[in-house]
C-alpha cells in the first residue's frame, strides 16, 4: 500500500531518506542555486542526481549532513 505523507510527517520520520528538489534544498540550506552549483564544482556540497532531462534531485540525507558539517565527498 502506498501512503502519501505531508512534509510535516516526513520531518518526524528521520530514518526515511528521500530525494528533494531545488526549492526544498534552498529552503533547507539557505544557499541559492548558483552558489550551490559552485560549491558542488569545488567538492563542498553533495552532487545532484539526474533522473531525466529536466529532473535533477538531491538526496535529503546528504543535504542534511552538509548542513551539519558532517558530509564528505565520496
C-alpha atoms as a PDB file:
ATOM      1  CA  UNK A   1       0.000   0.000   0.000  1.00  0.00           C
ATOM      2  CA  UNK A   2       1.231   3.482  -0.832  1.00  0.00           C
ATOM      3  CA  UNK A   3       0.805   6.330   1.636  1.00  0.00           C
ATOM      4  CA  UNK A   4       1.364   9.920   0.633  1.00  0.00           C
ATOM      5  CA  UNK A   5       2.949  11.797   3.512  1.00  0.00           C
ATOM      6  CA  UNK A   6       2.901  15.517   4.166  1.00  0.00           C
ATOM      7  CA  UNK A   7       6.097  17.489   4.690  1.00  0.00           C
ATOM      8  CA  UNK A   8       5.381  17.649   8.438  1.00  0.00           C
ATOM      9  CA  UNK A   9       5.009  13.859   8.633  1.00  0.00           C
ATOM     10  CA  UNK A  10       8.291  13.363   6.774  1.00  0.00           C
ATOM     11  CA  UNK A  11      10.099  15.648   9.202  1.00  0.00           C
ATOM     12  CA  UNK A  12       9.001  13.333  12.026  1.00  0.00           C
ATOM     13  CA  UNK A  13      10.491  10.284  10.240  1.00  0.00           C
ATOM     14  CA  UNK A  14      14.268  10.923  10.232  1.00  0.00           C
ATOM     15  CA  UNK A  15      15.171   7.407   9.047  1.00  0.00           C
ATOM     16  CA  UNK A  16      13.357   7.886   5.724  1.00  0.00           C
ATOM     17  CA  UNK A  17      15.754   9.058   3.037  1.00  0.00           C
ATOM     18  CA  UNK A  18      14.222  10.692   0.005  1.00  0.00           C
ATOM     19  CA  UNK A  19      15.084  12.874  -2.935  1.00  0.00           C
ATOM     20  CA  UNK A  20      14.400  16.614  -2.821  1.00  0.00           C
ATOM     21  CA  UNK A  21      14.086  19.297  -5.492  1.00  0.00           C
ATOM     22  CA  UNK A  22      15.982  22.581  -5.806  1.00  0.00           C
ATOM     23  CA  UNK A  23      13.353  24.578  -3.904  1.00  0.00           C
ATOM     24  CA  UNK A  24      13.434  22.372  -0.831  1.00  0.00           C
ATOM     25  CA  UNK A  25      17.228  22.242  -0.959  1.00  0.00           C
ATOM     26  CA  UNK A  26      17.308  26.046  -0.941  1.00  0.00           C
ATOM     27  CA  UNK A  27      14.825  26.114   1.952  1.00  0.00           C
ATOM     28  CA  UNK A  28      16.967  23.695   3.998  1.00  0.00           C
ATOM     29  CA  UNK A  29      20.337  25.312   3.267  1.00  0.00           C
ATOM     30  CA  UNK A  30      19.545  28.991   2.545  1.00  0.00           C
ATOM     31  CA  UNK A  31      22.031  28.685  -0.327  1.00  0.00           C
ATOM     32  CA  UNK A  32      20.945  29.837  -3.773  1.00  0.00           C
ATOM     33  CA  UNK A  33      21.302  27.656  -6.882  1.00  0.00           C
ATOM     34  CA  UNK A  34      24.338  29.405  -8.381  1.00  0.00           C
ATOM     35  CA  UNK A  35      26.295  29.305  -5.109  1.00  0.00           C
ATOM     36  CA  UNK A  36      25.279  25.686  -4.569  1.00  0.00           C
ATOM     37  CA  UNK A  37      26.427  24.713  -8.075  1.00  0.00           C
ATOM     38  CA  UNK A  38      29.775  26.418  -7.447  1.00  0.00           C
ATOM     39  CA  UNK A  39      30.110  24.504  -4.154  1.00  0.00           C
ATOM     40  CA  UNK A  40      29.324  21.231  -5.976  1.00  0.00           C
ATOM     41  CA  UNK A  41      32.028  22.012  -8.527  1.00  0.00           C
ATOM     42  CA  UNK A  42      34.517  22.666  -5.707  1.00  0.00           C
ATOM     43  CA  UNK A  43      33.506  19.435  -3.904  1.00  0.00           C
ATOM     44  CA  UNK A  44      31.981  21.232  -0.910  1.00  0.00           C
ATOM     45  CA  UNK A  45      28.335  20.219  -1.463  1.00  0.00           C
ATOM     46  CA  UNK A  46      26.673  16.913  -2.494  1.00  0.00           C
ATOM     47  CA  UNK A  47      26.119  16.348  -6.201  1.00  0.00           C
ATOM     48  CA  UNK A  48      22.685  16.247  -7.792  1.00  0.00           C
ATOM     49  CA  UNK A  49      21.222  13.038  -9.159  1.00  0.00           C
ATOM     50  CA  UNK A  50      19.852  13.298 -12.701  1.00  0.00           C
ATOM     51  CA  UNK A  51      16.600  11.411 -13.285  1.00  0.00           C
ATOM     52  CA  UNK A  52      15.669  12.912 -16.637  1.00  0.00           C
ATOM     53  CA  UNK A  53      16.368  15.862 -18.922  1.00  0.00           C
ATOM     54  CA  UNK A  54      14.682  18.306 -16.536  1.00  0.00           C
ATOM     55  CA  UNK A  55      14.713  16.340 -13.276  1.00  0.00           C
ATOM     56  CA  UNK A  56      17.700  16.862 -11.003  1.00  0.00           C
ATOM     57  CA  UNK A  57      17.358  15.956  -7.334  1.00  0.00           C
ATOM     58  CA  UNK A  58      19.422  15.917  -4.151  1.00  0.00           C
ATOM     59  CA  UNK A  59      19.459  13.140  -1.550  1.00  0.00           C
ATOM     60  CA  UNK A  60      17.973  14.564   1.671  1.00  0.00           C
ATOM     61  CA  UNK A  61      20.429  12.740   3.955  1.00  0.00           C
ATOM     62  CA  UNK A  62      23.408  14.225   2.072  1.00  0.00           C
ATOM     63  CA  UNK A  63      21.985  17.760   2.225  1.00  0.00           C
ATOM     64  CA  UNK A  64      21.281  17.397   5.957  1.00  0.00           C
ATOM     65  CA  UNK A  65      24.818  16.094   6.541  1.00  0.00           C
ATOM     66  CA  UNK A  66      26.174  19.077   4.606  1.00  0.00           C
ATOM     67  CA  UNK A  67      24.189  21.475   6.792  1.00  0.00           C
ATOM     68  CA  UNK A  68      25.519  19.736   9.934  1.00  0.00           C
ATOM     69  CA  UNK A  69      29.062  19.810   8.554  1.00  0.00           C
ATOM     70  CA  UNK A  70      29.482  16.025   8.556  1.00  0.00           C
ATOM     71  CA  UNK A  71      29.181  15.415   4.785  1.00  0.00           C
ATOM     72  CA  UNK A  72      32.312  14.212   2.992  1.00  0.00           C
ATOM     73  CA  UNK A  73      32.635  13.720  -0.784  1.00  0.00           C
ATOM     74  CA  UNK A  74      32.838  10.122  -1.974  1.00  0.00           C
END
